[in-house]
Amino acid sequence: MTETENTAPAPAPAPAESQEPVNITVADLQGLVNLIDVASSRGAFRGGELAAVGTLYSKLATFLQQILGSQEAPVDDAGAGATDSAE
């Protein structure tokens, strides 16, 4: 007789199998770094938030440098090997 009894239950979430996996690319992360740069230059963050934003920015920038550095080395090696076998 209470309103709680009269409300319909919320629908159950869809199984995880029917959802497409979320893909985050290096370009997405680079876009996030750029977004932080733009937002901070426009004064979007309060003083108390700057430490957390700066920490996140540093982590992202370091991660991107590591990823891009590791991607460049194998590409050069693989490219050299493919050129030698094609000749």
PDB file of N, CA and C in Angstrom:
ATOM      1  N   MET A   1       0.792  -1.180   0.000  1.00  0.00           N
ATOM      2  CA  MET A   1       0.000   0.000   0.000  1.00  0.00           C
ATOM      3  C   MET A   1       0.843   1.256   0.000  1.00  0.00           C
ATOM      4  N   THR A   2       2.111   1.110   0.261  1.00  0.00           N
ATOM      5  CA  THR A   2       2.972   2.273   0.186  1.00  0.00           C
ATOM      6  C   THR A   2       3.350   2.496  -1.267  1.00  0.00           C
ATOM      7  N   GLU A   3       3.905   3.645  -1.528  1.00  0.00           N
ATOM      8  CA  GLU A   3       4.294   3.948  -2.898  1.00  0.00           C
ATOM      9  C   GLU A   3       5.417   3.055  -3.391  1.00  0.00           C
ATOM     10  N   THR A   4       6.231   2.577  -2.486  1.00  0.00           N
ATOM     11  CA  THR A   4       7.317   1.688  -2.859  1.00  0.00           C
ATOM     12  C   THR A   4       6.768   0.394  -3.443  1.00  0.00           C
ATOM     13  N   GLU A   5       5.679  -0.092  -2.892  1.00  0.00           N
ATOM     14  CA  GLU A   5       5.082  -1.333  -3.376  1.00  0.00           C
ATOM     15  C   GLU A   5       4.436  -1.145  -4.742  1.00  0.00           C
ATOM     16  N   ASN A   6       3.987   0.038  -5.068  1.00  0.00           N
ATOM     17  CA  ASN A   6       3.281   0.305  -6.308  1.00  0.00           C
ATOM     18  C   ASN A   6       4.203   0.628  -7.484  1.00  0.00           C
ATOM     19  N   THR A   7       5.459   0.901  -7.218  1.00  0.00           N
ATOM     20  CA  THR A   7       6.364   1.248  -8.310  1.00  0.00           C
ATOM     21  C   THR A   7       6.915  -0.009  -8.949  1.00  0.00           C
ATOM     22  N   ALA A   8       7.110   0.053 -10.245  1.00  0.00           N
ATOM     23  CA  ALA A   8       7.664  -1.087 -10.979  1.00  0.00           C
ATOM     24  C   ALA A   8       9.167  -1.154 -10.747  1.00  0.00           C
ATOM     25  N   PRO A   9       9.715  -2.354 -10.675  1.00  0.00           N
ATOM     26  CA  PRO A   9      11.168  -2.463 -10.492  1.00  0.00           C
ATOM     27  C   PRO A   9      11.906  -1.971 -11.736  1.00  0.00           C
ATOM     28  N   ALA A  10      13.105  -1.471 -11.510  1.00  0.00           N
ATOM     29  CA  ALA A  10      13.915  -0.981 -12.630  1.00  0.00           C
ATOM     30  C   ALA A  10      14.323  -2.167 -13.495  1.00  0.00           C
ATOM     31  N   PRO A  11      14.374  -1.967 -14.810  1.00  0.00           N
ATOM     32  CA  PRO A  11      14.779  -3.072 -15.685  1.00  0.00           C
ATOM     33  C   PRO A  11      16.219  -3.487 -15.391  1.00  0.00           C
ATOM     34  N   ALA A  12      16.465  -4.765 -15.512  1.00  0.00           N
ATOM     35  CA  ALA A  12      17.811  -5.285 -15.256  1.00  0.00           C
ATOM     36  C   ALA A  12      18.741  -4.837 -16.375  1.00  0.00           C
ATOM     37  N   PRO A  13      20.003  -4.559 -16.047  1.00  0.00           N
ATOM     38  CA  PRO A  13      20.942  -4.163 -17.092  1.00  0.00           C
ATOM     39  C   PRO A  13      21.175  -5.314 -18.065  1.00  0.00           C
ATOM     40  N   ALA A  14      21.477  -4.962 -19.303  1.00  0.00           N
ATOM     41  CA  ALA A  14      21.730  -5.968 -20.337  1.00  0.00           C
ATOM     42  C   ALA A  14      22.988  -6.739 -19.993  1.00  0.00           C
ATOM     43  N   PRO A  15      23.052  -8.003 -20.367  1.00  0.00           N
ATOM     44  CA  PRO A  15      24.273  -8.778 -20.096  1.00  0.00           C
ATOM     45  C   PRO A  15      25.478  -8.156 -20.780  1.00  0.00           C
ATOM     46  N   ALA A  16      26.640  -8.352 -20.174  1.00  0.00           N
ATOM     47  CA  ALA A  16      27.871  -7.765 -20.702  1.00  0.00           C
ATOM     48  C   ALA A  16      28.199  -8.285 -22.088  1.00  0.00           C
ATOM     49  N   GLU A  17      27.748  -9.476 -22.428  1.00  0.00           N
ATOM     50  CA  GLU A  17      28.061 -10.065 -23.735  1.00  0.00           C
ATOM     51  C   GLU A  17      27.428  -9.289 -24.880  1.00  0.00           C
ATOM     52  N   SER A  18      26.262  -8.669 -24.649  1.00  0.00           N
ATOM     53  CA  SER A  18      25.591  -7.958 -25.723  1.00  0.00           C
ATOM     54  C   SER A  18      26.160  -6.563 -25.949  1.00  0.00           C
ATOM     55  N   GLN A  19      26.984  -6.079 -25.016  1.00  0.00           N
ATOM     56  CA  GLN A  19      27.574  -4.761 -25.164  1.00  0.00           C
ATOM     57  C   GLN A  19      28.863  -4.861 -25.947  1.00  0.00           C
ATOM     58  N   GLU A  20      29.103  -3.881 -26.811  1.00  0.00           N
ATOM     59  CA  GLU A  20      30.354  -3.835 -27.543  1.00  0.00           C
ATOM     60  C   GLU A  20      31.459  -3.367 -26.610  1.00  0.00           C
ATOM     61  N   PRO A  21      32.659  -3.921 -26.766  1.00  0.00           N
ATOM     62  CA  PRO A  21      33.761  -3.484 -25.896  1.00  0.00           C
ATOM     63  C   PRO A  21      34.139  -2.039 -26.191  1.00  0.00           C
ATOM     64  N   VAL A  22      34.565  -1.357 -25.159  1.00  0.00           N
ATOM     65  CA  VAL A  22      34.979   0.031 -25.298  1.00  0.00           C
ATOM     66  C   VAL A  22      36.425   0.041 -25.768  1.00  0.00           C
ATOM     67  N   ASN A  23      36.694   0.771 -26.814  1.00  0.00           N
ATOM     68  CA  ASN A  23      38.051   0.884 -27.337  1.00  0.00           C
ATOM     69  C   ASN A  23      38.564   2.291 -27.106  1.00  0.00           C
ATOM     70  N   ILE A  24      39.683   2.392 -26.426  1.00  0.00           N
ATOM     71  CA  ILE A  24      40.338   3.680 -26.226  1.00  0.00           C
ATOM     72  C   ILE A  24      41.659   3.607 -26.964  1.00  0.00           C
ATOM     73  N   THR A  25      41.853   4.536 -27.860  1.00  0.00           N
ATOM     74  CA  THR A  25      43.060   4.526 -28.678  1.00  0.00           C
ATOM     75  C   THR A  25      44.073   5.539 -28.152  1.00  0.00           C
ATOM     76  N   VAL A  26      45.273   5.450 -28.685  1.00  0.00           N
ATOM     77  CA  VAL A  26      46.316   6.419 -28.341  1.00  0.00           C
ATOM     78  C   VAL A  26      45.861   7.818 -28.748  1.00  0.00           C
ATOM     79  N   ALA A  27      45.156   7.919 -29.858  1.00  0.00           N
ATOM     80  CA  ALA A  27      44.643   9.219 -30.299  1.00  0.00           C
ATOM     81  C   ALA A  27      43.631   9.784 -29.304  1.00  0.00           C
ATOM     82  N   ASP A  28      42.824   8.921 -28.697  1.00  0.00           N
ATOM     83  CA  ASP A  28      41.881   9.364 -27.669  1.00  0.00           C
ATOM     84  C   ASP A  28      42.621   9.941 -26.464  1.00  0.00           C
ATOM     85  N   LEU A  29      43.682   9.251 -26.052  1.00  0.00           N
ATOM     86  CA  LEU A  29      44.469   9.725 -24.913  1.00  0.00           C
ATOM     87  C   LEU A  29      45.183  11.034 -25.240  1.00  0.00           C
ATOM     88  N   GLN A  30      45.681  11.147 -26.469  1.00  0.00           N
ATOM     89  CA  GLN A  30      46.321  12.395 -26.881  1.00  0.00           C
ATOM     90  C   GLN A  30      45.296  13.527 -26.903  1.00  0.00           C
ATOM     91  N   GLY A  31      44.087  13.225 -27.321  1.00  0.00           N
ATOM     92  CA  GLY A  31      43.011  14.214 -27.285  1.00  0.00           C
ATOM     93  C   GLY A  31      42.696  14.659 -25.875  1.00  0.00           C
ATOM     94  N   LEU A  32      42.761  13.734 -24.929  1.00  0.00           N
ATOM     95  CA  LEU A  32      42.534  14.075 -23.531  1.00  0.00           C
ATOM     96  C   LEU A  32      43.626  14.992 -22.996  1.00  0.00           C
ATOM     97  N   VAL A  33      44.876  14.723 -23.357  1.00  0.00           N
ATOM     98  CA  VAL A  33      45.986  15.602 -22.960  1.00  0.00           C
ATOM     99  C   VAL A  33      45.772  16.999 -23.538  1.00  0.00           C
ATOM    100  N   ASN A  34      45.378  17.062 -24.796  1.00  0.00           N
ATOM    101  CA  ASN A  34      45.115  18.358 -25.434  1.00  0.00           C
ATOM    102  C   ASN A  34      43.947  19.079 -24.765  1.00  0.00           C
ATOM    103  N   LEU A  35      42.929  18.315 -24.380  1.00  0.00           N
ATOM    104  CA  LEU A  35      41.777  18.888 -23.697  1.00  0.00           C
ATOM    105  C   LEU A  35      42.183  19.503 -22.366  1.00  0.00           C
ATOM    106  N   ILE A  36      43.026  18.816 -21.623  1.00  0.00           N
ATOM    107  CA  ILE A  36      43.504  19.355 -20.345  1.00  0.00           C
ATOM    108  C   ILE A  36      44.285  20.643 -20.584  1.00  0.00           C
ATOM    109  N   ASP A  37      45.117  20.668 -21.632  1.00  0.00           N
ATOM    110  CA  ASP A  37      45.870  21.883 -21.957  1.00  0.00           C
ATOM    111  C   ASP A  37      44.937  23.057 -22.234  1.00  0.00           C
ATOM    112  N   VAL A  38      43.943  22.832 -23.063  1.00  0.00           N
ATOM    113  CA  VAL A  38      43.015  23.907 -23.439  1.00  0.00           C
ATOM    114  C   VAL A  38      42.207  24.366 -22.228  1.00  0.00           C
ATOM    115  N   ALA A  39      41.681  23.400 -21.472  1.00  0.00           N
ATOM    116  CA  ALA A  39      40.853  23.747 -20.313  1.00  0.00           C
ATOM    117  C   ALA A  39      41.646  24.520 -19.268  1.00  0.00           C
ATOM    118  N   SER A  40      42.897  24.117 -19.033  1.00  0.00           N
ATOM    119  CA  SER A  40      43.690  24.831 -18.027  1.00  0.00           C
ATOM    120  C   SER A  40      44.084  26.222 -18.513  1.00  0.00           C
ATOM    121  N   SER A  41      44.335  26.359 -19.808  1.00  0.00           N
ATOM    122  CA  SER A  41      44.697  27.687 -20.330  1.00  0.00           C
ATOM    123  C   SER A  41      43.507  28.650 -20.291  1.00  0.00           C
ATOM    124  N   ARG A  42      42.297  28.103 -20.288  1.00  0.00           N
ATOM    125  CA  ARG A  42      41.093  28.935 -20.229  1.00  0.00           C
ATOM    126  C   ARG A  42      40.571  29.111 -18.811  1.00  0.00           C
ATOM    127  N   GLY A  43      41.297  28.591 -17.831  1.00  0.00           N
ATOM    128  CA  GLY A  43      40.901  28.765 -16.438  1.00  0.00           C
ATOM    129  C   GLY A  43      39.726  27.913 -16.006  1.00  0.00           C
ATOM    130  N   ALA A  44      39.588  26.729 -16.573  1.00  0.00           N
ATOM    131  CA  ALA A  44      38.446  25.871 -16.268  1.00  0.00           C
ATOM    132  C   ALA A  44      38.575  25.151 -14.931  1.00  0.00           C
ATOM    133  N   PHE A  45      39.752  25.122 -14.356  1.00  0.00           N
ATOM    134  CA  PHE A  45      39.975  24.389 -13.113  1.00  0.00           C
ATOM    135  C   PHE A  45      40.193  25.355 -11.960  1.00  0.00           C
ATOM    136  N   ARG A  46      39.683  25.000 -10.783  1.00  0.00           N
ATOM    137  CA  ARG A  46      39.910  25.789  -9.577  1.00  0.00           C
ATOM    138  C   ARG A  46      41.281  25.470  -9.026  1.00  0.00           C
ATOM    139  N   GLY A  47      41.782  26.331  -8.183  1.00  0.00           N
ATOM    140  CA  GLY A  47      43.110  26.157  -7.612  1.00  0.00           C
ATOM    141  C   GLY A  47      43.302  24.827  -6.911  1.00  0.00           C
ATOM    142  N   GLY A  48      42.319  24.395  -6.153  1.00  0.00           N
ATOM    143  CA  GLY A  48      42.408  23.137  -5.435  1.00  0.00           C
ATOM    144  C   GLY A  48      42.405  21.918  -6.341  1.00  0.00           C
ATOM    145  N   GLU A  49      41.926  22.075  -7.551  1.00  0.00           N
ATOM    146  CA  GLU A  49      41.854  20.966  -8.500  1.00  0.00           C
ATOM    147  C   GLU A  49      43.123  20.839  -9.338  1.00  0.00           C
ATOM    148  N   LEU A  50      43.946  21.859  -9.326  1.00  0.00           N
ATOM    149  CA  LEU A  50      45.097  21.879 -10.220  1.00  0.00           C
ATOM    150  C   LEU A  50      46.098  20.762  -9.950  1.00  0.00           C
ATOM    151  N   ALA A  51      46.298  20.399  -8.700  1.00  0.00           N
ATOM    152  CA  ALA A  51      47.246  19.324  -8.381  1.00  0.00           C
ATOM    153  C   ALA A  51      46.775  18.005  -8.988  1.00  0.00           C
ATOM    154  N   ALA A  52      45.494  17.684  -8.838  1.00  0.00           N
ATOM    155  CA  ALA A  52      44.955  16.440  -9.392  1.00  0.00           C
ATOM    156  C   ALA A  52      44.994  16.451 -10.905  1.00  0.00           C
ATOM    157  N   VAL A  53      44.660  17.586 -11.497  1.00  0.00           N
ATOM    158  CA  VAL A  53      44.691  17.704 -12.959  1.00  0.00           C
ATOM    159  C   VAL A  53      46.124  17.569 -13.460  1.00  0.00           C
ATOM    160  N   GLY A  54      47.069  18.202 -12.783  1.00  0.00           N
ATOM    161  CA  GLY A  54      48.468  18.121 -13.171  1.00  0.00           C
ATOM    162  C   GLY A  54      49.018  16.709 -13.047  1.00  0.00           C
ATOM    163  N   THR A  55      48.621  15.998 -12.007  1.00  0.00           N
ATOM    164  CA  THR A  55      49.051  14.614 -11.827  1.00  0.00           C
ATOM    165  C   THR A  55      48.515  13.731 -12.946  1.00  0.00           C
ATOM    166  N   LEU A  56      47.245  13.887 -13.269  1.00  0.00           N
ATOM    167  CA  LEU A  56      46.649  13.122 -14.360  1.00  0.00           C
ATOM    168  C   LEU A  56      47.322  13.451 -15.687  1.00  0.00           C
ATOM    169  N   TYR A  57      47.556  14.727 -15.919  1.00  0.00           N
ATOM    170  CA  TYR A  57      48.219  15.159 -17.150  1.00  0.00           C
ATOM    171  C   TYR A  57      49.605  14.518 -17.266  1.00  0.00           C
ATOM    172  N   SER A  58      50.364  14.535 -16.179  1.00  0.00           N
ATOM    173  CA  SER A  58      51.713  13.954 -16.188  1.00  0.00           C
ATOM    174  C   SER A  58      51.671  12.461 -16.455  1.00  0.00           C
ATOM    175  N   LYS A  59      50.723  11.759 -15.830  1.00  0.00           N
ATOM    176  CA  LYS A  59      50.594  10.323 -16.048  1.00  0.00           C
ATOM    177  C   LYS A  59      50.256  10.019 -17.503  1.00  0.00           C
ATOM    178  N   LEU A  60      49.304  10.754 -18.052  1.00  0.00           N
ATOM    179  CA  LEU A  60      48.915  10.545 -19.452  1.00  0.00           C
ATOM    180  C   LEU A  60      50.059  10.850 -20.405  1.00  0.00           C
ATOM    181  N   ALA A  61      50.733  11.959 -20.187  1.00  0.00           N
ATOM    182  CA  ALA A  61      51.834  12.348 -21.073  1.00  0.00           C
ATOM    183  C   ALA A  61      52.964  11.327 -21.022  1.00  0.00           C
ATOM    184  N   THR A  62      53.301  10.840 -19.834  1.00  0.00           N
ATOM    185  CA  THR A  62      54.351   9.833 -19.688  1.00  0.00           C
ATOM    186  C   THR A  62      53.939   8.530 -20.361  1.00  0.00           C
ATOM    187  N   PHE A  63      52.704   8.117 -20.155  1.00  0.00           N
ATOM    188  CA  PHE A  63      52.199   6.899 -20.775  1.00  0.00           C
ATOM    189  C   PHE A  63      52.244   6.998 -22.293  1.00  0.00           C
ATOM    190  N   LEU A  64      51.819   8.138 -22.829  1.00  0.00           N
ATOM    191  CA  LEU A  64      51.834   8.325 -24.278  1.00  0.00           C
ATOM    192  C   LEU A  64      53.252   8.299 -24.829  1.00  0.00           C
ATOM    193  N   GLN A  65      54.191   8.910 -24.116  1.00  0.00           N
ATOM    194  CA  GLN A  65      55.584   8.884 -24.559  1.00  0.00           C
ATOM    195  C   GLN A  65      56.105   7.452 -24.593  1.00  0.00           C
ATOM    196  N   GLN A  66      55.770   6.649 -23.593  1.00  0.00           N
ATOM    197  CA  GLN A  66      56.208   5.261 -23.555  1.00  0.00           C
ATOM    198  C   GLN A  66      55.586   4.457 -24.689  1.00  0.00           C
ATOM    199  N   ILE A  67      54.297   4.636 -24.915  1.00  0.00           N
ATOM    200  CA  ILE A  67      53.597   3.900 -25.967  1.00  0.00           C
ATOM    201  C   ILE A  67      54.120   4.297 -27.339  1.00  0.00           C
ATOM    202  N   LEU A  68      54.222   5.585 -27.581  1.00  0.00           N
ATOM    203  CA  LEU A  68      54.684   6.039 -28.887  1.00  0.00           C
ATOM    204  C   LEU A  68      56.138   5.647 -29.123  1.00  0.00           C
ATOM    205  N   GLY A  69      56.946   5.673 -28.091  1.00  0.00           N
ATOM    206  CA  GLY A  69      58.340   5.265 -28.213  1.00  0.00           C
ATOM    207  C   GLY A  69      58.466   3.783 -28.517  1.00  0.00           C
ATOM    208  N   SER A  70      57.637   2.953 -27.874  1.00  0.00           N
ATOM    209  CA  SER A  70      57.701   1.510 -28.104  1.00  0.00           C
ATOM    210  C   SER A  70      57.095   1.141 -29.454  1.00  0.00           C
ATOM    211  N   GLN A  71      56.156   1.922 -29.965  1.00  0.00           N
ATOM    212  CA  GLN A  71      55.561   1.639 -31.274  1.00  0.00           C
ATOM    213  C   GLN A  71      56.504   2.013 -32.408  1.00  0.00           C
ATOM    214  N   GLU A  72      57.310   3.048 -32.215  1.00  0.00           N
ATOM    215  CA  GLU A  72      58.207   3.492 -33.271  1.00  0.00           C
ATOM    216  C   GLU A  72      59.340   2.496 -33.501  1.00  0.00           C
ATOM    217  N   ALA A  73      59.908   1.917 -32.458  1.00  0.00           N
ATOM    218  CA  ALA A  73      61.037   1.005 -32.588  1.00  0.00           C
ATOM    219  C   ALA A  73      60.674  -0.252 -33.386  1.00  0.00           C
ATOM    220  N   PRO A  74      59.598  -0.979 -33.067  1.00  0.00           N
ATOM    221  CA  PRO A  74      59.269  -2.164 -33.852  1.00  0.00           C
ATOM    222  C   PRO A  74      58.894  -1.840 -35.294  1.00  0.00           C
ATOM    223  N   VAL A  75      58.272  -0.703 -35.527  1.00  0.00           N
ATOM    224  CA  VAL A  75      57.901  -0.328 -36.887  1.00  0.00           C
ATOM    225  C   VAL A  75      59.152  -0.159 -37.731  1.00  0.00           C
ATOM    226  N   ASP A  76      60.200   0.477 -37.175  1.00  0.00           N
ATOM    227  CA  ASP A  76      61.441   0.656 -37.914  1.00  0.00           C
ATOM    228  C   ASP A  76      62.086  -0.686 -38.214  1.00  0.00           C
ATOM    229  N   ASP A  77      62.119  -1.596 -37.232  1.00  0.00           N
ATOM    230  CA  ASP A  77      62.724  -2.905 -37.429  1.00  0.00           C
ATOM    231  C   ASP A  77      61.916  -3.717 -38.433  1.00  0.00           C
ATOM    232  N   ALA A  78      60.615  -3.712 -38.312  1.00  0.00           N
ATOM    233  CA  ALA A  78      59.770  -4.483 -39.220  1.00  0.00           C
ATOM    234  C   ALA A  78      59.845  -3.914 -40.625  1.00  0.00           C
ATOM    235  N   GLY A  79      59.889  -2.599 -40.725  1.00  0.00           N
ATOM    236  CA  GLY A  79      59.980  -1.972 -42.048  1.00  0.00           C
ATOM    237  C   GLY A  79      61.274  -2.318 -42.734  1.00  0.00           C
ATOM    238  N   ALA A  80      62.380  -2.365 -42.004  1.00  0.00           N
ATOM    239  CA  ALA A  80      63.675  -2.698 -42.591  1.00  0.00           C
ATOM    240  C   ALA A  80      63.675  -4.147 -43.062  1.00  0.00           C
ATOM    241  N   GLY A  81      63.074  -5.035 -42.262  1.00  0.00           N
ATOM    242  CA  GLY A  81      63.028  -6.443 -42.634  1.00  0.00           C
ATOM    243  C   GLY A  81      62.172  -6.670 -43.862  1.00  0.00           C
ATOM    244  N   ALA A  82      61.074  -5.960 -43.977  1.00  0.00           N
ATOM    245  CA  ALA A  82      60.187  -6.121 -45.125  1.00  0.00           C
ATOM    246  C   ALA A  82      60.865  -5.599 -46.386  1.00  0.00           C
ATOM    247  N   THR A  83      61.635  -4.543 -46.266  1.00  0.00           N
ATOM    248  CA  THR A  83      62.323  -3.995 -47.437  1.00  0.00           C
ATOM    249  C   THR A  83      63.384  -4.968 -47.930  1.00  0.00           C
ATOM    250  N   ASP A  84      64.128  -5.605 -47.007  1.00  0.00           N
ATOM    251  CA  ASP A  84      65.171  -6.538 -47.385  1.00  0.00           C
ATOM    252  C   ASP A  84      64.596  -7.767 -48.076  1.00  0.00           C
ATOM    253  N   SER A  85      63.476  -8.301 -47.604  1.00  0.00           N
ATOM    254  CA  SER A  85      62.913  -9.509 -48.185  1.00  0.00           C
ATOM    255  C   SER A  85      62.251  -9.230 -49.514  1.00  0.00           C
ATOM    256  N   ALA A  86      61.801  -7.989 -49.753  1.00  0.00           N
ATOM    257  CA  ALA A  86      61.152  -7.647 -51.012  1.00  0.00           C
ATOM    258  C   ALA A  86      62.149  -7.487 -52.129  1.00  0.00           C
ATOM    259  N   GLU A  87      63.405  -7.209 -51.807  1.00  0.00           N
ATOM    260  CA  GLU A  87      64.386  -6.956 -52.846  1.00  0.00           C
ATOM    261  C   GLU A  87      64.962  -8.188 -53.359  1.00  0.00           C
TER     262      GLU A  87
END
